[in-house]
Structure formats: structure tokens, C-alpha cells
Protein backbone atom coordinates (compact mmCIF):
# COMPACT_ATOMS: atom_id res chain seq x y z
CA MET A 1 126.00 36.77 -6.37
CA ARG A 2 125.77 36.52 -10.13
CA ARG A 3 126.43 39.67 -12.07
CA TRP A 4 124.47 41.22 -14.90
CA ARG A 5 125.36 39.56 -18.17
CA HIS A 6 125.92 42.14 -20.89
CA GLY A 7 123.05 42.27 -23.34
CA VAL A 8 120.80 39.75 -21.57
CA VAL A 9 117.29 40.78 -20.54
CA MET A 10 116.77 39.89 -16.90
CA PHE A 11 113.32 39.06 -15.59
CA VAL A 12 111.66 40.42 -12.44
CA ALA A 13 108.67 39.04 -10.55
CA VAL A 14 107.04 41.23 -7.92
CA VAL A 15 104.48 39.69 -5.59
CA PHE A 16 102.18 41.70 -3.34
CA LEU A 17 100.98 39.36 -0.62
CA GLU A 18 98.48 40.09 2.13
CA GLY A 19 98.46 37.53 4.89
CA LYS A 20 95.73 36.71 7.34
CA ARG A 21 96.52 38.61 10.54
CA GLU A 22 96.45 35.55 12.78
CA HIS A 23 99.10 33.84 10.60
CA ARG A 24 101.42 36.79 9.92
CA ALA A 25 104.38 35.42 11.93
CA ALA A 26 104.22 31.96 10.34
CA LEU A 27 103.81 33.54 6.88
CA ARG A 28 106.78 35.84 7.46
CA ASP A 29 108.99 32.94 8.58
CA ALA A 30 107.94 30.78 5.61
CA LEU A 31 108.64 33.59 3.13
CA LEU A 32 112.07 34.29 4.61
CA LEU A 33 113.03 30.61 4.50
CA HIS A 34 111.74 30.28 0.95
CA ALA A 35 113.74 33.33 -0.17
CA LYS A 36 116.94 31.91 1.32
CA LEU A 37 116.40 28.52 -0.33
CA ALA A 38 115.62 30.15 -3.68
CA ARG A 39 118.79 32.27 -3.53
CA ASP A 40 120.91 29.28 -2.55
CA LYS A 41 119.41 26.47 -4.61
CA VAL A 42 117.35 27.71 -7.56
CA GLU A 43 119.33 27.78 -10.76
CA ARG A 44 119.44 31.15 -12.54
CA CYS A 45 117.73 32.92 -9.63
CA VAL A 46 119.80 36.03 -8.98
CA ARG A 47 118.03 37.35 -5.89
CA VAL A 48 114.86 37.15 -3.82
CA ASP A 49 114.02 39.91 -1.37
CA ILE A 50 111.18 39.86 1.14
CA CYS A 51 109.88 43.25 2.26
CA ALA A 52 107.43 43.84 5.12
CA ASP A 53 104.97 46.70 5.18
CA PRO A 54 105.95 48.93 8.15
CA VAL A 55 102.29 49.80 8.79
CA ASP A 56 100.69 46.40 8.20
CA PRO A 57 102.96 43.54 9.36
CA ALA A 58 100.78 40.99 7.54
CA SER A 59 101.51 42.57 4.13
CA PHE A 60 104.62 41.64 2.14
CA LEU A 61 106.31 42.51 -1.11
CA ILE A 62 108.50 39.88 -2.74
CA TYR A 63 111.05 40.95 -5.37
CA ALA A 64 112.64 38.12 -7.35
CA LEU A 65 115.22 38.53 -10.11
CA PHE A 66 115.96 35.77 -12.63
CA ASP A 67 118.38 35.46 -15.54
CA ASP A 68 115.41 35.44 -17.93
CA GLU A 69 111.73 34.56 -18.20
CA ALA A 70 112.52 30.91 -18.92
CA ALA A 71 114.38 30.70 -15.60
CA TYR A 72 111.35 32.14 -13.80
CA ARG A 73 109.00 29.68 -15.51
CA ALA A 74 111.31 26.77 -14.65
CA TYR A 75 111.41 27.94 -11.02
CA GLN A 76 107.59 27.84 -10.91
CA GLU A 77 107.79 24.14 -11.82
CA THR A 78 110.12 23.24 -8.92
CA GLN A 79 109.09 21.21 -5.90
CA GLN A 80 110.26 24.06 -3.68
CA TYR A 81 107.82 26.49 -5.33
CA SER A 82 104.95 24.00 -5.01
CA ASP A 83 105.76 23.28 -1.38
CA VAL A 84 105.78 26.93 -0.33
CA ALA A 85 102.61 27.68 -2.33
CA ILE A 86 100.77 24.85 -0.57
CA LEU A 87 102.14 25.89 2.83
CA ILE A 88 101.24 29.58 2.65
CA GLU A 89 97.93 29.34 0.76
CA PRO A 90 95.77 29.00 3.91
CA TRP A 91 97.63 31.94 5.51
CA THR A 92 97.13 34.22 2.49
CA ALA A 93 94.26 36.70 2.11
CA SER A 94 95.32 38.00 -1.33
CA ARG A 95 98.19 37.70 -3.77
CA ARG A 96 99.05 39.68 -6.88
CA VAL A 97 101.97 38.86 -9.19
CA LEU A 98 103.44 41.36 -11.66
CA THR A 99 106.34 40.67 -14.01
CA TYR A 100 108.81 43.01 -15.67
CA GLU A 101 111.99 43.18 -17.71
CA LEU A 102 114.88 44.75 -15.82
CA ILE A 103 116.07 47.71 -17.89
CA SER A 104 118.04 49.87 -15.45
CA ASP A 105 121.19 47.76 -15.71
CA ARG A 106 120.91 47.16 -19.43
CA PRO A 107 123.68 48.75 -21.49
CA LEU A 108 122.36 51.93 -23.07
CA PRO A 109 122.77 52.71 -26.77
CA PRO A 110 124.96 55.71 -27.54
CA PRO A 111 123.04 58.98 -27.18
CA ALA A 112 121.50 60.37 -30.33
CA THR A 113 122.79 63.71 -31.52
CA PRO A 114 120.09 66.20 -30.60
CA THR A 115 118.76 68.35 -33.38
CA HIS A 116 117.73 71.94 -32.99
CA PRO A 117 113.94 72.40 -33.02
CA GLY A 118 114.25 74.96 -35.81
CA GLY A 119 116.19 72.52 -38.01
CA HIS A 120 119.61 74.12 -37.34
CA ALA A 121 122.61 72.10 -36.31
């Protein structure tokens, strides 16, 4: 697994996916295979996790971490991404994609010296 590179902003894509009930098993299998292939073969993809809703087995959360936004955009242009999108589209009821910058692992600046509210040191 690649490690955090000091000072680099990593990019996160989170996908909320609701599958059609009658296709939930096939959708689950396709997502798991896609995640494994992305982890193993997609350049600058750090991780892809597939999460299943414990209450609704046709609902999934996908968490994908990339070196940067350019890596994520390049991944979206791959044949693998196109193939899985075409495969799962008829099995999907809804899909929502959110993107973020990963900040929890980013090196923090030194803490500022707090000042007293009354102006005293």
C-alpha cells in the first residue's frame, strides 16, 4: 500500500449507490471485483473500499482514495471504469458521487500561541 506523501493533498471520492433489489448480489460481486482491480491495477489509486448497508443489502458506499484529483480524473477515463459503469448501470436505482480533499493525514502547522481574551499574555 502506498503511504501518504508529505505535503500532497490526497483526493477522496465517495459514492452512495442504491441497487435494484433483484440485482443486489450481482451488483455486490461486480463492485467487489472492480475494487480489487482498481487497487491492483489503477495507477495512483491508493485504496478502494466497498461497504454494504447492514439494513439494506442493495445499498453500498464506495470509498476511493487517490494521490490527487488528476489521478481520479484519469481513472474515470480508463476502460476499467467504463466497463464497470456499463455493467452496473441497469442494476442501479440511484447513484450519488461526492468528492473531498483528505485532510486528516495532512501535516499540521505548528500550533499558534493562544492569547488571553483580555489581551494579557
